[in-house]
PDB file of N, CA and C in Angstrom:
ATOM      1  N   MET A   1      95.889  79.682  65.377  1.00  0.00           N
ATOM      2  CA  MET A   1      97.229  80.076  65.381  1.00  0.00           C
ATOM      3  C   MET A   1      98.142  78.927  65.803  1.00  0.00           C
ATOM      4  N   THR A   2      99.250  78.674  65.111  1.00  0.00           N
ATOM      5  CA  THR A   2     100.064  77.484  65.278  1.00  0.00           C
ATOM      6  C   THR A   2     100.887  77.769  66.475  1.00  0.00           C
ATOM      7  N   ASP A   3     101.602  76.603  66.864  1.00  0.00           N
ATOM      8  CA  ASP A   3     102.327  76.779  68.159  1.00  0.00           C
ATOM      9  C   ASP A   3     103.581  77.522  67.759  1.00  0.00           C
ATOM     10  N   GLU A   4     104.221  77.470  66.641  1.00  0.00           N
ATOM     11  CA  GLU A   4     105.451  78.261  66.266  1.00  0.00           C
ATOM     12  C   GLU A   4     105.121  79.911  66.304  1.00  0.00           C
ATOM     13  N   THR A   5     103.898  80.093  65.592  1.00  0.00           N
ATOM     14  CA  THR A   5     103.709  81.426  65.717  1.00  0.00           C
ATOM     15  C   THR A   5     103.400  82.163  67.074  1.00  0.00           C
ATOM     16  N   LEU A   6     102.608  81.372  68.091  1.00  0.00           N
ATOM     17  CA  LEU A   6     102.462  81.663  69.211  1.00  0.00           C
ATOM     18  C   LEU A   6     103.686  81.791  69.971  1.00  0.00           C
ATOM     19  N   ASP A   7     104.661  80.926  69.764  1.00  0.00           N
ATOM     20  CA  ASP A   7     105.877  81.035  70.507  1.00  0.00           C
ATOM     21  C   ASP A   7     106.723  82.327  70.031  1.00  0.00           C
ATOM     22  N   LEU A   8     106.543  82.590  68.903  1.00  0.00           N
ATOM     23  CA  LEU A   8     107.278  83.775  68.166  1.00  0.00           C
ATOM     24  C   LEU A   8     106.692  84.883  68.771  1.00  0.00           C
ATOM     25  N   LEU A   9     105.388  85.020  68.778  1.00  0.00           N
ATOM     26  CA  LEU A   9     104.690  86.225  69.371  1.00  0.00           C
ATOM     27  C   LEU A   9     104.960  86.374  70.746  1.00  0.00           C
ATOM     28  N   TRP A  10     105.051  85.455  71.514  1.00  0.00           N
ATOM     29  CA  TRP A  10     105.446  85.448  72.913  1.00  0.00           C
ATOM     30  C   TRP A  10     106.695  85.862  73.371  1.00  0.00           C
ATOM     31  N   SER A  11     107.758  85.341  72.347  1.00  0.00           N
ATOM     32  CA  SER A  11     109.170  85.947  72.518  1.00  0.00           C
ATOM     33  C   SER A  11     109.310  87.283  72.264  1.00  0.00           C
ATOM     34  N   ILE A  12     108.605  87.667  71.157  1.00  0.00           N
ATOM     35  CA  ILE A  12     108.603  89.362  70.885  1.00  0.00           C
ATOM     36  C   ILE A  12     108.046  90.048  71.931  1.00  0.00           C
ATOM     37  N   THR A  13     107.025  89.661  72.499  1.00  0.00           N
ATOM     38  CA  THR A  13     106.209  90.305  73.444  1.00  0.00           C
ATOM     39  C   THR A  13     107.307  90.377  74.829  1.00  0.00           C
ATOM     40  N   ASN A  14     107.862  89.382  75.335  1.00  0.00           N
ATOM     41  CA  ASN A  14     108.774  89.365  76.406  1.00  0.00           C
ATOM     42  C   ASN A  14     109.919  90.095  76.120  1.00  0.00           C
ATOM     43  N   GLY A  15     110.452  90.274  74.913  1.00  0.00           N
ATOM     44  CA  GLY A  15     111.666  91.122  74.566  1.00  0.00           C
ATOM     45  C   GLY A  15     111.366  92.688  74.477  1.00  0.00           C
ATOM     46  N   LEU A  16     110.119  92.977  74.356  1.00  0.00           N
ATOM     47  CA  LEU A  16     109.776  94.347  74.193  1.00  0.00           C
ATOM     48  C   LEU A  16     109.839  95.210  75.499  1.00  0.00           C
ATOM     49  N   LEU A  17     109.844  94.728  76.735  1.00  0.00           N
ATOM     50  CA  LEU A  17     109.978  95.309  78.000  1.00  0.00           C
ATOM     51  C   LEU A  17     111.502  95.660  78.214  1.00  0.00           C
ATOM     52  N   PRO A  18     112.455  94.787  77.953  1.00  0.00           N
ATOM     53  CA  PRO A  18     113.858  95.399  78.061  1.00  0.00           C
ATOM     54  C   PRO A  18     114.301  96.107  76.977  1.00  0.00           C
ATOM     55  N   LEU A  19     113.735  96.059  75.811  1.00  0.00           N
ATOM     56  CA  LEU A  19     114.029  96.902  74.848  1.00  0.00           C
ATOM     57  C   LEU A  19     113.676  98.367  75.197  1.00  0.00           C
ATOM     58  N   GLY A  20     112.377  98.546  75.634  1.00  0.00           N
ATOM     59  CA  GLY A  20     111.781  99.942  75.951  1.00  0.00           C
ATOM     60  C   GLY A  20     112.676 100.320  77.089  1.00  0.00           C
ATOM     61  N   ALA A  21     113.119  99.544  78.115  1.00  0.00           N
ATOM     62  CA  ALA A  21     113.859  99.904  79.318  1.00  0.00           C
ATOM     63  C   ALA A  21     115.200 100.502  78.673  1.00  0.00           C
ATOM     64  N   ALA A  22     115.770  99.867  77.854  1.00  0.00           N
ATOM     65  CA  ALA A  22     117.215 100.239  77.129  1.00  0.00           C
ATOM     66  C   ALA A  22     117.010 101.659  76.667  1.00  0.00           C
ATOM     67  N   PHE A  23     116.059 101.963  75.798  1.00  0.00           N
ATOM     68  CA  PHE A  23     115.707 103.222  75.126  1.00  0.00           C
ATOM     69  C   PHE A  23     115.588 104.248  76.089  1.00  0.00           C
ATOM     70  N   ALA A  24     114.798 104.031  77.206  1.00  0.00           N
ATOM     71  CA  ALA A  24     114.479 104.959  78.097  1.00  0.00           C
ATOM     72  C   ALA A  24     115.756 105.319  79.014  1.00  0.00           C
ATOM     73  N   GLY A  25     116.488 104.264  79.306  1.00  0.00           N
ATOM     74  CA  GLY A  25     117.717 104.412  80.004  1.00  0.00           C
ATOM     75  C   GLY A  25     118.664 105.306  79.367  1.00  0.00           C
ATOM     76  N   LEU A  26     118.732 105.319  77.969  1.00  0.00           N
ATOM     77  CA  LEU A  26     119.572 106.146  77.365  1.00  0.00           C
ATOM     78  C   LEU A  26     119.004 107.654  77.370  1.00  0.00           C
ATOM     79  N   ALA A  27     117.690 107.871  77.384  1.00  0.00           N
ATOM     80  CA  ALA A  27     116.983 109.080  77.459  1.00  0.00           C
ATOM     81  C   ALA A  27     116.994 109.793  78.781  1.00  0.00           C
ATOM     82  N   CYS A  28     117.288 109.086  79.777  1.00  0.00           N
ATOM     83  CA  CYS A  28     117.147 109.618  81.213  1.00  0.00           C
ATOM     84  C   CYS A  28     117.948 110.884  81.392  1.00  0.00           C
ATOM     85  N   ASP A  29     119.163 111.066  80.920  1.00  0.00           N
ATOM     86  CA  ASP A  29     119.873 112.149  81.196  1.00  0.00           C
ATOM     87  C   ASP A  29     119.250 113.461  80.451  1.00  0.00           C
ATOM     88  N   PHE A  30     118.845 113.182  79.210  1.00  0.00           N
ATOM     89  CA  PHE A  30     118.280 114.338  78.605  1.00  0.00           C
ATOM     90  C   PHE A  30     116.922 114.783  79.231  1.00  0.00           C
ATOM     91  N   THR A  31     116.200 113.832  79.635  1.00  0.00           N
ATOM     92  CA  THR A  31     114.845 114.024  80.255  1.00  0.00           C
ATOM     93  C   THR A  31     115.082 114.739  81.538  1.00  0.00           C
ATOM     94  N   SER A  32     115.745 114.260  82.326  1.00  0.00           N
ATOM     95  CA  SER A  32     116.235 114.803  83.651  1.00  0.00           C
ATOM     96  C   SER A  32     116.603 116.228  83.597  1.00  0.00           C
ATOM     97  N   ASN A  33     117.511 116.495  82.552  1.00  0.00           N
ATOM     98  CA  ASN A  33     117.962 117.893  82.307  1.00  0.00           C
ATOM     99  C   ASN A  33     116.835 118.769  81.793  1.00  0.00           C
ATOM    100  N   LYS A  34     116.133 118.332  80.942  1.00  0.00           N
ATOM    101  CA  LYS A  34     115.013 119.151  80.320  1.00  0.00           C
ATOM    102  C   LYS A  34     113.928 119.488  81.211  1.00  0.00           C
ATOM    103  N   LEU A  35     113.340 118.464  82.040  1.00  0.00           N
ATOM    104  CA  LEU A  35     112.248 118.586  82.848  1.00  0.00           C
ATOM    105  C   LEU A  35     112.571 118.774  84.331  1.00  0.00           C
ATOM    106  N   GLY A  36     113.741 118.418  84.553  1.00  0.00           N
ATOM    107  CA  GLY A  36     113.929 118.175  85.991  1.00  0.00           C
ATOM    108  C   GLY A  36     113.627 116.814  86.467  1.00  0.00           C
ATOM    109  N   ILE A  37     114.333 116.379  87.591  1.00  0.00           N
ATOM    110  CA  ILE A  37     114.124 115.088  88.091  1.00  0.00           C
ATOM    111  C   ILE A  37     112.744 114.793  88.641  1.00  0.00           C
ATOM    112  N   ARG A  38     112.261 115.656  89.428  1.00  0.00           N
ATOM    113  CA  ARG A  38     110.861 115.409  89.943  1.00  0.00           C
ATOM    114  C   ARG A  38     110.017 115.376  88.926  1.00  0.00           C
ATOM    115  N   ASN A  39     109.901 116.345  88.014  1.00  0.00           N
ATOM    116  CA  ASN A  39     108.893 116.451  87.019  1.00  0.00           C
ATOM    117  C   ASN A  39     108.967 115.297  85.953  1.00  0.00           C
ATOM    118  N   ALA A  40     110.312 114.714  85.732  1.00  0.00           N
ATOM    119  CA  ALA A  40     110.368 113.501  84.799  1.00  0.00           C
ATOM    120  C   ALA A  40     109.818 112.336  85.421  1.00  0.00           C
ATOM    121  N   ILE A  41     109.906 112.259  86.900  1.00  0.00           N
ATOM    122  CA  ILE A  41     109.140 111.078  87.525  1.00  0.00           C
ATOM    123  C   ILE A  41     107.752 111.307  87.289  1.00  0.00           C
ATOM    124  N   ILE A  42     107.182 112.525  87.569  1.00  0.00           N
ATOM    125  CA  ILE A  42     105.744 112.636  87.574  1.00  0.00           C
ATOM    126  C   ILE A  42     105.320 112.350  86.142  1.00  0.00           C
ATOM    127  N   SER A  43     106.016 112.726  85.079  1.00  0.00           N
ATOM    128  CA  SER A  43     105.646 112.357  83.654  1.00  0.00           C
ATOM    129  C   SER A  43     105.663 110.968  83.440  1.00  0.00           C
ATOM    130  N   THR A  44     106.587 110.267  83.987  1.00  0.00           N
ATOM    131  CA  THR A  44     106.589 108.825  83.833  1.00  0.00           C
ATOM    132  C   THR A  44     105.553 108.096  84.418  1.00  0.00           C
ATOM    133  N   ASN A  45     105.080 108.543  85.625  1.00  0.00           N
ATOM    134  CA  ASN A  45     103.914 108.092  86.159  1.00  0.00           C
ATOM    135  C   ASN A  45     102.688 108.280  85.163  1.00  0.00           C
ATOM    136  N   ILE A  46     102.537 109.158  84.401  1.00  0.00           N
ATOM    137  CA  ILE A  46     101.374 109.372  83.567  1.00  0.00           C
ATOM    138  C   ILE A  46     101.558 108.270  82.440  1.00  0.00           C
ATOM    139  N   PHE A  47     102.876 107.941  82.058  1.00  0.00           N
ATOM    140  CA  PHE A  47     102.966 106.828  81.060  1.00  0.00           C
ATOM    141  C   PHE A  47     102.514 105.443  81.749  1.00  0.00           C
ATOM    142  N   VAL A  48     102.847 105.405  82.962  1.00  0.00           N
ATOM    143  CA  VAL A  48     102.470 104.102  83.668  1.00  0.00           C
ATOM    144  C   VAL A  48     100.979 104.035  83.531  1.00  0.00           C
ATOM    145  N   LEU A  49     100.170 104.912  83.808  1.00  0.00           N
ATOM    146  CA  LEU A  49      98.704 104.848  83.740  1.00  0.00           C
ATOM    147  C   LEU A  49      98.321 104.642  82.290  1.00  0.00           C
ATOM    148  N   ILE A  50      98.815 105.254  81.267  1.00  0.00           N
ATOM    149  CA  ILE A  50      98.608 104.947  79.968  1.00  0.00           C
ATOM    150  C   ILE A  50      98.759 103.350  79.498  1.00  0.00           C
ATOM    151  N   ALA A  51      99.996 102.914  79.985  1.00  0.00           N
ATOM    152  CA  ALA A  51     100.396 101.599  79.478  1.00  0.00           C
ATOM    153  C   ALA A  51      99.213 100.525  80.291  1.00  0.00           C
ATOM    154  N   CYS A  52      98.884 101.046  81.687  1.00  0.00           N
ATOM    155  CA  CYS A  52      97.909  99.991  82.313  1.00  0.00           C
ATOM    156  C   CYS A  52      96.588 100.201  81.623  1.00  0.00           C
ATOM    157  N   LEU A  53      96.086 101.346  80.994  1.00  0.00           N
ATOM    158  CA  LEU A  53      94.814 101.336  80.409  1.00  0.00           C
ATOM    159  C   LEU A  53      95.011 100.616  79.013  1.00  0.00           C
ATOM    160  N   VAL A  54      96.087 100.734  78.424  1.00  0.00           N
ATOM    161  CA  VAL A  54      96.245  99.905  77.168  1.00  0.00           C
ATOM    162  C   VAL A  54      96.349  98.487  77.526  1.00  0.00           C
ATOM    163  N   ASN A  55      96.897  98.049  78.505  1.00  0.00           N
ATOM    164  CA  ASN A  55      96.938  96.618  78.877  1.00  0.00           C
ATOM    165  C   ASN A  55      95.352  96.077  79.167  1.00  0.00           C
ATOM    166  N   ILE A  56      94.693  96.916  79.951  1.00  0.00           N
ATOM    167  CA  ILE A  56      93.232  96.590  80.254  1.00  0.00           C
ATOM    168  C   ILE A  56      92.516  96.487  78.806  1.00  0.00           C
ATOM    169  N   LEU A  57      92.588  97.506  77.948  1.00  0.00           N
ATOM    170  CA  LEU A  57      91.843  97.409  76.726  1.00  0.00           C
ATOM    171  C   LEU A  57      92.192  96.204  75.884  1.00  0.00           C
ATOM    172  N   SER A  58      93.416  95.859  75.983  1.00  0.00           N
ATOM    173  CA  SER A  58      93.949  94.695  75.207  1.00  0.00           C
ATOM    174  C   SER A  58      93.218  93.443  75.458  1.00  0.00           C
ATOM    175  N   LYS A  59      92.847  93.196  76.712  1.00  0.00           N
ATOM    176  CA  LYS A  59      92.190  92.103  77.222  1.00  0.00           C
ATOM    177  C   LYS A  59      90.651  92.035  76.771  1.00  0.00           C
ATOM    178  N   TYR A  60      90.059  93.339  76.819  1.00  0.00           N
ATOM    179  CA  TYR A  60      88.576  93.344  76.572  1.00  0.00           C
ATOM    180  C   TYR A  60      88.461  93.340  74.931  1.00  0.00           C
ATOM    181  N   LEU A  61      89.434  93.851  74.166  1.00  0.00           N
ATOM    182  CA  LEU A  61      89.318  93.980  72.683  1.00  0.00           C
ATOM    183  C   LEU A  61      89.916  92.769  72.087  1.00  0.00           C
ATOM    184  N   ASN A  62      90.701  91.781  72.785  1.00  0.00           N
ATOM    185  CA  ASN A  62      91.235  90.588  72.502  1.00  0.00           C
ATOM    186  C   ASN A  62      92.342  90.925  71.298  1.00  0.00           C
ATOM    187  N   SER A  63      92.995  91.974  71.623  1.00  0.00           N
ATOM    188  CA  SER A  63      94.098  92.472  70.771  1.00  0.00           C
ATOM    189  C   SER A  63      95.527  92.102  71.294  1.00  0.00           C
ATOM    190  N   TYR A  64      96.180  91.355  70.626  1.00  0.00           N
ATOM    191  CA  TYR A  64      97.624  90.876  70.983  1.00  0.00           C
ATOM    192  C   TYR A  64      98.527  92.111  70.703  1.00  0.00           C
ATOM    193  N   LEU A  65      98.223  92.887  69.729  1.00  0.00           N
ATOM    194  CA  LEU A  65      99.132  94.002  69.443  1.00  0.00           C
ATOM    195  C   LEU A  65      99.138  95.023  70.542  1.00  0.00           C
ATOM    196  N   MET A  66      97.747  95.299  71.114  1.00  0.00           N
ATOM    197  CA  MET A  66      97.806  96.307  72.136  1.00  0.00           C
ATOM    198  C   MET A  66      98.631  95.865  73.403  1.00  0.00           C
ATOM    199  N   PHE A  67      98.617  94.435  73.487  1.00  0.00           N
ATOM    200  CA  PHE A  67      99.262  93.898  74.796  1.00  0.00           C
ATOM    201  C   PHE A  67     100.838  94.182  74.462  1.00  0.00           C
ATOM    202  N   MET A  68     101.220  93.920  73.335  1.00  0.00           N
ATOM    203  CA  MET A  68     102.746  94.195  72.956  1.00  0.00           C
ATOM    204  C   MET A  68     103.046  95.575  73.137  1.00  0.00           C
ATOM    205  N   ILE A  69     102.001  96.634  72.819  1.00  0.00           N
ATOM    206  CA  ILE A  69     102.440  98.056  73.044  1.00  0.00           C
ATOM    207  C   ILE A  69     102.533  98.373  74.317  1.00  0.00           C
ATOM    208  N   SER A  70     101.537  97.761  75.238  1.00  0.00           N
ATOM    209  CA  SER A  70     101.579  98.043  76.556  1.00  0.00           C
ATOM    210  C   SER A  70     102.873  97.667  77.171  1.00  0.00           C
ATOM    211  N   ARG A  71     103.499  96.544  76.880  1.00  0.00           N
ATOM    212  CA  ARG A  71     104.744  95.871  77.389  1.00  0.00           C
ATOM    213  C   ARG A  71     105.749  96.718  77.129  1.00  0.00           C
ATOM    214  N   PHE A  72     105.905  97.383  75.734  1.00  0.00           N
ATOM    215  CA  PHE A  72     106.916  98.257  75.342  1.00  0.00           C
ATOM    216  C   PHE A  72     106.834  99.602  76.258  1.00  0.00           C
ATOM    217  N   ILE A  73     105.664 100.106  76.526  1.00  0.00           N
ATOM    218  CA  ILE A  73     105.481 101.317  77.277  1.00  0.00           C
ATOM    219  C   ILE A  73     105.781 100.979  78.598  1.00  0.00           C
ATOM    220  N   HIS A  74     105.450  99.886  79.318  1.00  0.00           N
ATOM    221  CA  HIS A  74     105.973  99.555  80.673  1.00  0.00           C
ATOM    222  C   HIS A  74     107.562  99.511  80.681  1.00  0.00           C
ATOM    223  N   GLY A  75     108.040  99.072  79.691  1.00  0.00           N
ATOM    224  CA  GLY A  75     109.462  98.954  79.605  1.00  0.00           C
ATOM    225  C   GLY A  75     110.109 100.319  79.752  1.00  0.00           C
ATOM    226  N   ILE A  76     109.564 101.255  78.958  1.00  0.00           N
ATOM    227  CA  ILE A  76     110.035 102.542  78.860  1.00  0.00           C
ATOM    228  C   ILE A  76     109.762 103.244  80.357  1.00  0.00           C
ATOM    229  N   CYS A  77     108.833 102.880  80.898  1.00  0.00           N
ATOM    230  CA  CYS A  77     108.764 103.320  82.349  1.00  0.00           C
ATOM    231  C   CYS A  77     109.744 102.870  83.380  1.00  0.00           C
ATOM    232  N   VAL A  78     109.909 101.517  83.007  1.00  0.00           N
ATOM    233  CA  VAL A  78     111.028 100.855  84.035  1.00  0.00           C
ATOM    234  C   VAL A  78     112.372 101.472  83.714  1.00  0.00           C
ATOM    235  N   GLY A  79     112.823 101.712  82.517  1.00  0.00           N
ATOM    236  CA  GLY A  79     114.108 102.391  82.246  1.00  0.00           C
ATOM    237  C   GLY A  79     114.126 103.721  82.845  1.00  0.00           C
ATOM    238  N   PHE A  80     113.096 104.582  82.615  1.00  0.00           N
ATOM    239  CA  PHE A  80     113.071 105.875  83.271  1.00  0.00           C
ATOM    240  C   PHE A  80     113.304 105.793  84.872  1.00  0.00           C
ATOM    241  N   PHE A  81     112.421 104.915  85.444  1.00  0.00           N
ATOM    242  CA  PHE A  81     112.419 104.901  86.822  1.00  0.00           C
ATOM    243  C   PHE A  81     113.794 104.464  87.338  1.00  0.00           C
ATOM    244  N   SER A  82     114.402 103.370  86.552  1.00  0.00           N
ATOM    245  CA  SER A  82     115.775 102.857  86.976  1.00  0.00           C
ATOM    246  C   SER A  82     116.792 103.821  86.995  1.00  0.00           C
ATOM    247  N   GLY A  83     116.574 104.849  86.009  1.00  0.00           N
ATOM    248  CA  GLY A  83     117.750 105.989  85.877  1.00  0.00           C
ATOM    249  C   GLY A  83     117.363 107.302  86.843  1.00  0.00           C
ATOM    250  N   LEU A  84     116.060 107.608  86.983  1.00  0.00           N
ATOM    251  CA  LEU A  84     115.668 108.899  87.714  1.00  0.00           C
ATOM    252  C   LEU A  84     115.483 108.627  89.232  1.00  0.00           C
ATOM    253  N   VAL A  85     115.142 107.473  89.670  1.00  0.00           N
ATOM    254  CA  VAL A  85     114.973 107.253  91.053  1.00  0.00           C
ATOM    255  C   VAL A  85     116.343 107.457  91.760  1.00  0.00           C
ATOM    256  N   PRO A  86     117.407 106.827  91.383  1.00  0.00           N
ATOM    257  CA  PRO A  86     118.656 107.003  92.316  1.00  0.00           C
ATOM    258  C   PRO A  86     119.194 108.530  92.036  1.00  0.00           C
ATOM    259  N   LEU A  87     118.877 109.146  91.008  1.00  0.00           N
ATOM    260  CA  LEU A  87     119.313 110.511  90.897  1.00  0.00           C
ATOM    261  C   LEU A  87     118.513 111.513  91.928  1.00  0.00           C
ATOM    262  N   TYR A  88     117.206 111.081  91.973  1.00  0.00           N
ATOM    263  CA  TYR A  88     116.373 111.714  92.936  1.00  0.00           C
ATOM    264  C   TYR A  88     116.831 111.430  94.377  1.00  0.00           C
ATOM    265  N   LEU A  89     117.071 110.285  94.677  1.00  0.00           N
ATOM    266  CA  LEU A  89     117.374 109.904  96.105  1.00  0.00           C
ATOM    267  C   LEU A  89     118.714 110.667  96.437  1.00  0.00           C
ATOM    268  N   ASN A  90     119.670 110.902  95.567  1.00  0.00           N
ATOM    269  CA  ASN A  90     120.930 111.394  95.616  1.00  0.00           C
ATOM    270  C   ASN A  90     120.594 113.033  95.904  1.00  0.00           C
ATOM    271  N   HIS A  91     119.654 113.495  95.222  1.00  0.00           N
ATOM    272  CA  HIS A  91     119.405 114.890  95.611  1.00  0.00           C
ATOM    273  C   HIS A  91     118.630 115.252  96.763  1.00  0.00           C
ATOM    274  N   ILE A  92     117.907 114.401  97.269  1.00  0.00           N
ATOM    275  CA  ILE A  92     117.006 114.672  98.420  1.00  0.00           C
ATOM    276  C   ILE A  92     117.742 114.243  99.901  1.00  0.00           C
ATOM    277  N   SER A  93     118.838 113.281  99.645  1.00  0.00           N
ATOM    278  CA  SER A  93     119.373 112.736 100.797  1.00  0.00           C
ATOM    279  C   SER A  93     120.344 113.953 101.414  1.00  0.00           C
ATOM    280  N   PRO A  94     120.424 113.893 102.875  1.00  0.00           N
ATOM    281  CA  PRO A  94     121.243 114.823 103.457  1.00  0.00           C
ATOM    282  C   PRO A  94     122.772 114.493 103.249  1.00  0.00           C
ATOM    283  N   LEU A  95     123.535 115.519 103.317  1.00  0.00           N
ATOM    284  CA  LEU A  95     125.003 115.235 102.922  1.00  0.00           C
ATOM    285  C   LEU A  95     125.657 114.305 103.762  1.00  0.00           C
ATOM    286  N   ASN A  96     125.304 114.090 105.019  1.00  0.00           N
ATOM    287  CA  ASN A  96     126.024 113.065 105.808  1.00  0.00           C
ATOM    288  C   ASN A  96     125.784 111.687 105.337  1.00  0.00           C
ATOM    289  N   LEU A  97     124.531 111.427 104.767  1.00  0.00           N
ATOM    290  CA  LEU A  97     123.905 110.012 104.372  1.00  0.00           C
ATOM    291  C   LEU A  97     124.052 109.853 102.773  1.00  0.00           C
ATOM    292  N   ARG A  98     124.603 110.742 102.074  1.00  0.00           N
ATOM    293  CA  ARG A  98     124.592 110.660 100.546  1.00  0.00           C
ATOM    294  C   ARG A  98     125.435 109.473 100.140  1.00  0.00           C
ATOM    295  N   ALA A  99     126.593 109.059 100.936  1.00  0.00           N
ATOM    296  CA  ALA A  99     127.501 107.938 100.361  1.00  0.00           C
ATOM    297  C   ALA A  99     126.628 106.624 100.801  1.00  0.00           C
ATOM    298  N   VAL A 100     125.821 106.549 101.776  1.00  0.00           N
ATOM    299  CA  VAL A 100     125.253 105.488 102.120  1.00  0.00           C
ATOM    300  C   VAL A 100     124.050 105.107 101.187  1.00  0.00           C
ATOM    301  N   LEU A 101     123.461 106.031 100.766  1.00  0.00           N
ATOM    302  CA  LEU A 101     122.319 105.789  99.864  1.00  0.00           C
ATOM    303  C   LEU A 101     122.634 105.426  98.425  1.00  0.00           C
ATOM    304  N   ASN A 102     123.937 105.724  97.968  1.00  0.00           N
ATOM    305  CA  ASN A 102     124.364 105.451  96.756  1.00  0.00           C
ATOM    306  C   ASN A 102     124.787 104.052  96.586  1.00  0.00           C
TER     307      ASN A 102
END
């Protein structure tokens, strides 16, 4: 593999995490309304486990494409957690501390 190809693949791989986070951030509202905030966080944890398994398999199978897929799935998880956790904290906080936690 040439240096230019390696640089291109590495750049695409690093860009997949923020891309997945952006897509998931847009879907947070729909997901939290459909599943509920708590169930959406639990479902996102399942995606974290799937992404970790794909990441581990990519090393043993020497597949760069699987590593790219795992980065995208991790980005989706980051986007969901970034949108869902503040909502969850807002819902579970007592009324007198709500403004402090936001």
